Amino acid sequence: MKAPYQVIKKPLITEKTTILREENKFTLVVDRNATKADIRQAAEDIFDIKGKILKVNTVLVHGKTKGQLMRANRGRRPDIKKAILTVEAGTDIRLFESI
């Protein structure tokens, strides 16, 4: 297993994830090779919420192709892996409290 800060890269804060917080679901960008068990362990270590994570769901998001239509040099955004952590009611994660 990697170090916790290598597994969890950053929180993902969008309009949709802000709505999901009301359902006790927190969204993070994680390492693409991380397993659900790695993500659960890293989140428990970093956010100090041992035993309060009910579920870990992961989603692979493919990066969009960007660039102008007639150009040969088209760029591409990187692929990312999102993890949605469902925690017990009343549990708050320090990182998301100020948002």
N, C-alpha and C. Protein backbone atom coordinates (compact mmCIF):
# COMPACT_ATOMS: atom_id res chain seq x y z
N MET A 1 0.83 -1.18 0.00
CA MET A 1 0.00 0.00 0.00
C MET A 1 0.88 1.24 0.00
N LYS A 2 0.44 2.26 -0.71
CA LYS A 2 1.16 3.52 -0.76
C LYS A 2 0.87 4.34 0.50
N ALA A 3 1.64 5.39 0.66
CA ALA A 3 1.39 6.32 1.77
C ALA A 3 0.03 6.99 1.54
N PRO A 4 -0.68 7.34 2.61
CA PRO A 4 -2.02 7.91 2.46
C PRO A 4 -2.08 9.15 1.57
N TYR A 5 -1.06 10.01 1.65
CA TYR A 5 -1.10 11.22 0.83
C TYR A 5 -0.73 10.96 -0.63
N GLN A 6 -0.26 9.76 -0.96
CA GLN A 6 -0.06 9.39 -2.35
C GLN A 6 -1.33 8.78 -2.93
N VAL A 7 -2.17 8.22 -2.09
CA VAL A 7 -3.43 7.63 -2.55
C VAL A 7 -4.46 8.73 -2.80
N ILE A 8 -4.66 9.61 -1.82
CA ILE A 8 -5.64 10.69 -1.95
C ILE A 8 -4.91 11.94 -2.42
N LYS A 9 -5.30 12.44 -3.60
CA LYS A 9 -4.61 13.59 -4.18
C LYS A 9 -5.23 14.91 -3.73
N LYS A 10 -6.56 15.05 -3.88
CA LYS A 10 -7.22 16.31 -3.51
C LYS A 10 -8.72 16.09 -3.44
N PRO A 11 -9.44 17.01 -2.79
CA PRO A 11 -10.89 16.91 -2.80
C PRO A 11 -11.42 17.42 -4.14
N LEU A 12 -12.55 16.91 -4.54
CA LEU A 12 -13.20 17.37 -5.77
C LEU A 12 -14.40 18.19 -5.36
N ILE A 13 -14.36 19.49 -5.64
CA ILE A 13 -15.42 20.39 -5.21
C ILE A 13 -16.11 20.96 -6.44
N THR A 14 -17.31 20.49 -6.67
CA THR A 14 -18.15 20.97 -7.76
C THR A 14 -19.55 21.19 -7.21
N GLU A 15 -20.43 21.68 -8.05
CA GLU A 15 -21.81 21.88 -7.62
C GLU A 15 -22.46 20.55 -7.23
N LYS A 16 -22.19 19.53 -8.02
CA LYS A 16 -22.78 18.21 -7.75
C LYS A 16 -22.24 17.61 -6.44
N THR A 17 -20.94 17.72 -6.21
CA THR A 17 -20.38 17.13 -5.00
C THR A 17 -20.80 17.90 -3.75
N THR A 18 -21.09 19.19 -3.90
CA THR A 18 -21.60 19.97 -2.77
C THR A 18 -22.99 19.50 -2.39
N ILE A 19 -23.80 19.15 -3.36
CA ILE A 19 -25.14 18.60 -3.09
C ILE A 19 -25.01 17.22 -2.45
N LEU A 20 -24.05 16.42 -2.90
CA LEU A 20 -23.85 15.08 -2.33
C LEU A 20 -23.42 15.13 -0.86
N ARG A 21 -22.79 16.23 -0.45
CA ARG A 21 -22.36 16.34 0.96
C ARG A 21 -23.55 16.30 1.90
N GLU A 22 -24.72 16.76 1.45
CA GLU A 22 -25.92 16.71 2.29
C GLU A 22 -26.35 15.27 2.55
N GLU A 23 -25.93 14.35 1.69
CA GLU A 23 -26.24 12.93 1.85
C GLU A 23 -25.07 12.19 2.51
N ASN A 24 -24.16 12.93 3.14
CA ASN A 24 -22.98 12.37 3.81
C ASN A 24 -22.05 11.65 2.84
N LYS A 25 -21.91 12.19 1.63
CA LYS A 25 -21.00 11.63 0.63
C LYS A 25 -19.96 12.69 0.28
N PHE A 26 -18.69 12.29 0.36
CA PHE A 26 -17.58 13.20 0.08
C PHE A 26 -16.79 12.65 -1.10
N THR A 27 -16.42 13.53 -2.03
CA THR A 27 -15.76 13.11 -3.27
C THR A 27 -14.30 13.56 -3.27
N LEU A 28 -13.42 12.62 -3.63
CA LEU A 28 -11.98 12.87 -3.66
C LEU A 28 -11.40 12.41 -4.99
N VAL A 29 -10.33 13.06 -5.43
CA VAL A 29 -9.55 12.58 -6.56
C VAL A 29 -8.46 11.70 -5.97
N VAL A 30 -8.34 10.47 -6.49
CA VAL A 30 -7.39 9.51 -5.93
C VAL A 30 -6.46 8.99 -7.03
N ASP A 31 -5.43 8.28 -6.61
CA ASP A 31 -4.48 7.65 -7.54
C ASP A 31 -5.22 6.62 -8.39
N ARG A 32 -4.89 6.56 -9.67
CA ARG A 32 -5.61 5.66 -10.58
C ARG A 32 -5.42 4.19 -10.25
N ASN A 33 -4.34 3.83 -9.58
CA ASN A 33 -4.09 2.43 -9.27
C ASN A 33 -4.54 2.05 -7.86
N ALA A 34 -5.15 2.97 -7.15
CA ALA A 34 -5.57 2.71 -5.77
C ALA A 34 -6.83 1.83 -5.76
N THR A 35 -6.85 0.88 -4.83
CA THR A 35 -8.04 0.04 -4.67
C THR A 35 -8.97 0.67 -3.65
N LYS A 36 -10.18 0.13 -3.54
CA LYS A 36 -11.14 0.66 -2.57
C LYS A 36 -10.61 0.50 -1.15
N ALA A 37 -9.94 -0.60 -0.88
CA ALA A 37 -9.37 -0.83 0.45
C ALA A 37 -8.28 0.20 0.75
N ASP A 38 -7.43 0.50 -0.25
CA ASP A 38 -6.39 1.52 -0.07
C ASP A 38 -7.01 2.89 0.22
N ILE A 39 -8.07 3.22 -0.51
CA ILE A 39 -8.73 4.52 -0.36
C ILE A 39 -9.36 4.62 1.03
N ARG A 40 -10.02 3.55 1.46
CA ARG A 40 -10.66 3.55 2.78
C ARG A 40 -9.61 3.75 3.89
N GLN A 41 -8.51 3.01 3.80
CA GLN A 41 -7.46 3.10 4.82
C GLN A 41 -6.82 4.49 4.83
N ALA A 42 -6.54 5.04 3.64
CA ALA A 42 -5.93 6.36 3.56
C ALA A 42 -6.86 7.44 4.11
N ALA A 43 -8.15 7.35 3.80
CA ALA A 43 -9.11 8.35 4.30
C ALA A 43 -9.24 8.27 5.81
N GLU A 44 -9.25 7.05 6.35
CA GLU A 44 -9.33 6.90 7.81
C GLU A 44 -8.10 7.48 8.49
N ASP A 45 -6.94 7.31 7.88
CA ASP A 45 -5.70 7.84 8.47
C ASP A 45 -5.62 9.37 8.37
N ILE A 46 -5.94 9.91 7.20
CA ILE A 46 -5.80 11.35 6.98
C ILE A 46 -6.86 12.14 7.73
N PHE A 47 -8.11 11.72 7.63
CA PHE A 47 -9.22 12.51 8.18
C PHE A 47 -9.63 12.08 9.59
N ASP A 48 -8.98 11.07 10.14
CA ASP A 48 -9.24 10.60 11.51
C ASP A 48 -10.71 10.22 11.70
N ILE A 49 -11.21 9.35 10.82
CA ILE A 49 -12.61 8.90 10.89
C ILE A 49 -12.65 7.37 10.88
N LYS A 50 -11.90 6.76 11.75
CA LYS A 50 -11.80 5.30 11.79
C LYS A 50 -13.16 4.65 12.02
N GLY A 51 -13.53 3.72 11.16
CA GLY A 51 -14.75 2.96 11.31
C GLY A 51 -16.02 3.70 10.94
N LYS A 52 -15.91 4.92 10.42
CA LYS A 52 -17.10 5.70 10.10
C LYS A 52 -17.41 5.73 8.61
N ILE A 53 -16.56 5.10 7.80
CA ILE A 53 -16.81 5.04 6.36
C ILE A 53 -17.69 3.83 6.08
N LEU A 54 -18.87 4.07 5.54
CA LEU A 54 -19.81 2.99 5.26
C LEU A 54 -19.54 2.35 3.90
N LYS A 55 -19.21 3.19 2.90
CA LYS A 55 -19.07 2.68 1.55
C LYS A 55 -18.03 3.50 0.79
N VAL A 56 -17.33 2.85 -0.15
CA VAL A 56 -16.40 3.54 -1.04
C VAL A 56 -16.77 3.15 -2.46
N ASN A 57 -17.15 4.15 -3.27
CA ASN A 57 -17.45 3.92 -4.68
C ASN A 57 -16.38 4.63 -5.50
N THR A 58 -15.95 4.01 -6.60
CA THR A 58 -14.93 4.62 -7.45
C THR A 58 -15.45 4.76 -8.87
N VAL A 59 -14.95 5.80 -9.56
CA VAL A 59 -15.34 6.08 -10.94
C VAL A 59 -14.09 6.49 -11.70
N LEU A 60 -13.84 5.87 -12.85
CA LEU A 60 -12.76 6.31 -13.73
C LEU A 60 -13.34 7.32 -14.71
N VAL A 61 -12.77 8.52 -14.74
CA VAL A 61 -13.25 9.58 -15.62
C VAL A 61 -12.20 9.79 -16.70
N HIS A 62 -12.59 9.61 -17.95
CA HIS A 62 -11.67 9.78 -19.06
C HIS A 62 -11.57 11.26 -19.42
N GLY A 63 -10.35 11.73 -19.69
CA GLY A 63 -10.13 13.13 -20.01
C GLY A 63 -10.66 13.50 -21.38
N LYS A 64 -11.12 14.73 -21.48
CA LYS A 64 -11.66 15.22 -22.75
C LYS A 64 -10.54 15.55 -23.72
N THR A 65 -10.82 15.43 -24.99
CA THR A 65 -9.91 15.90 -26.02
C THR A 65 -10.19 17.37 -26.24
N LYS A 66 -9.16 18.19 -26.16
CA LYS A 66 -9.33 19.63 -26.29
C LYS A 66 -8.49 20.13 -27.45
N GLY A 67 -8.89 21.23 -28.02
CA GLY A 67 -8.12 21.85 -29.09
C GLY A 67 -9.03 22.40 -30.15
N GLN A 68 -8.44 22.99 -31.15
CA GLN A 68 -9.23 23.57 -32.23
C GLN A 68 -9.60 22.48 -33.23
N LEU A 69 -10.68 22.71 -33.94
CA LEU A 69 -11.20 21.69 -34.84
C LEU A 69 -10.26 21.35 -35.99
N MET A 70 -9.63 22.33 -36.59
CA MET A 70 -8.84 22.07 -37.79
C MET A 70 -7.35 21.87 -37.51
N ARG A 71 -6.97 21.85 -36.27
CA ARG A 71 -5.56 21.70 -35.94
C ARG A 71 -5.19 20.23 -35.79
N ALA A 72 -3.97 19.92 -36.14
CA ALA A 72 -3.48 18.55 -35.98
C ALA A 72 -3.07 18.29 -34.53
N ASN A 73 -2.66 19.34 -33.84
CA ASN A 73 -2.19 19.19 -32.46
C ASN A 73 -3.37 19.33 -31.50
N ARG A 74 -3.97 18.23 -31.20
CA ARG A 74 -5.08 18.25 -30.25
C ARG A 74 -4.58 17.74 -28.92
N GLY A 75 -4.88 18.47 -27.88
CA GLY A 75 -4.46 18.08 -26.54
C GLY A 75 -5.51 17.22 -25.87
N ARG A 76 -5.14 16.69 -24.73
CA ARG A 76 -6.07 15.83 -24.01
C ARG A 76 -5.89 16.05 -22.52
N ARG A 77 -7.00 16.19 -21.81
CA ARG A 77 -6.94 16.31 -20.36
C ARG A 77 -6.64 14.94 -19.77
N PRO A 78 -6.01 14.90 -18.60
CA PRO A 78 -5.65 13.59 -18.04
C PRO A 78 -6.86 12.83 -17.52
N ASP A 79 -6.76 11.50 -17.54
CA ASP A 79 -7.77 10.65 -16.94
C ASP A 79 -7.61 10.73 -15.42
N ILE A 80 -8.73 10.70 -14.69
CA ILE A 80 -8.67 10.73 -13.23
C ILE A 80 -9.55 9.63 -12.66
N LYS A 81 -9.33 9.34 -11.41
CA LYS A 81 -10.17 8.39 -10.69
C LYS A 81 -10.77 9.13 -9.51
N LYS A 82 -12.10 9.07 -9.41
CA LYS A 82 -12.81 9.71 -8.30
C LYS A 82 -13.23 8.64 -7.31
N ALA A 83 -13.22 8.99 -6.04
CA ALA A 83 -13.73 8.11 -4.99
C ALA A 83 -14.81 8.87 -4.24
N ILE A 84 -15.97 8.24 -4.08
CA ILE A 84 -17.07 8.83 -3.33
C ILE A 84 -17.18 8.05 -2.03
N LEU A 85 -16.89 8.72 -0.92
CA LEU A 85 -16.94 8.10 0.40
C LEU A 85 -18.28 8.39 1.05
N THR A 86 -19.00 7.35 1.43
CA THR A 86 -20.24 7.51 2.19
C THR A 86 -19.89 7.28 3.65
N VAL A 87 -20.16 8.28 4.48
CA VAL A 87 -19.81 8.19 5.90
C VAL A 87 -21.08 8.19 6.75
N GLU A 88 -20.92 7.84 8.02
CA GLU A 88 -22.06 7.83 8.94
C GLU A 88 -22.63 9.24 9.08
N ALA A 89 -23.92 9.33 9.36
CA ALA A 89 -24.57 10.63 9.57
C ALA A 89 -23.92 11.35 10.74
N GLY A 90 -23.71 12.64 10.57
CA GLY A 90 -23.09 13.43 11.63
C GLY A 90 -21.58 13.49 11.57
N THR A 91 -20.97 12.68 10.72
CA THR A 91 -19.51 12.69 10.56
C THR A 91 -19.14 13.79 9.57
N ASP A 92 -18.19 14.63 9.95
CA ASP A 92 -17.74 15.67 9.04
C ASP A 92 -16.24 15.54 8.84
N ILE A 93 -15.81 15.76 7.62
CA ILE A 93 -14.39 15.66 7.29
C ILE A 93 -13.78 17.05 7.38
N ARG A 94 -12.65 17.17 8.07
CA ARG A 94 -12.02 18.47 8.31
C ARG A 94 -11.82 19.27 7.03
N LEU A 95 -11.43 18.62 5.98
CA LEU A 95 -11.10 19.29 4.74
C LEU A 95 -12.31 19.98 4.13
N PHE A 96 -13.50 19.44 4.35
CA PHE A 96 -14.71 19.96 3.74
C PHE A 96 -15.50 20.90 4.65
N GLU A 97 -15.09 21.09 5.90
CA GLU A 97 -15.85 21.90 6.84
C GLU A 97 -15.94 23.36 6.43
N SER A 98 -14.88 23.92 5.88
CA SER A 98 -14.86 25.35 5.58
C SER A 98 -15.52 25.69 4.25
N ILE A 99 -16.00 24.69 3.54
CA ILE A 99 -16.58 24.94 2.21
C ILE A 99 -18.09 25.02 2.32
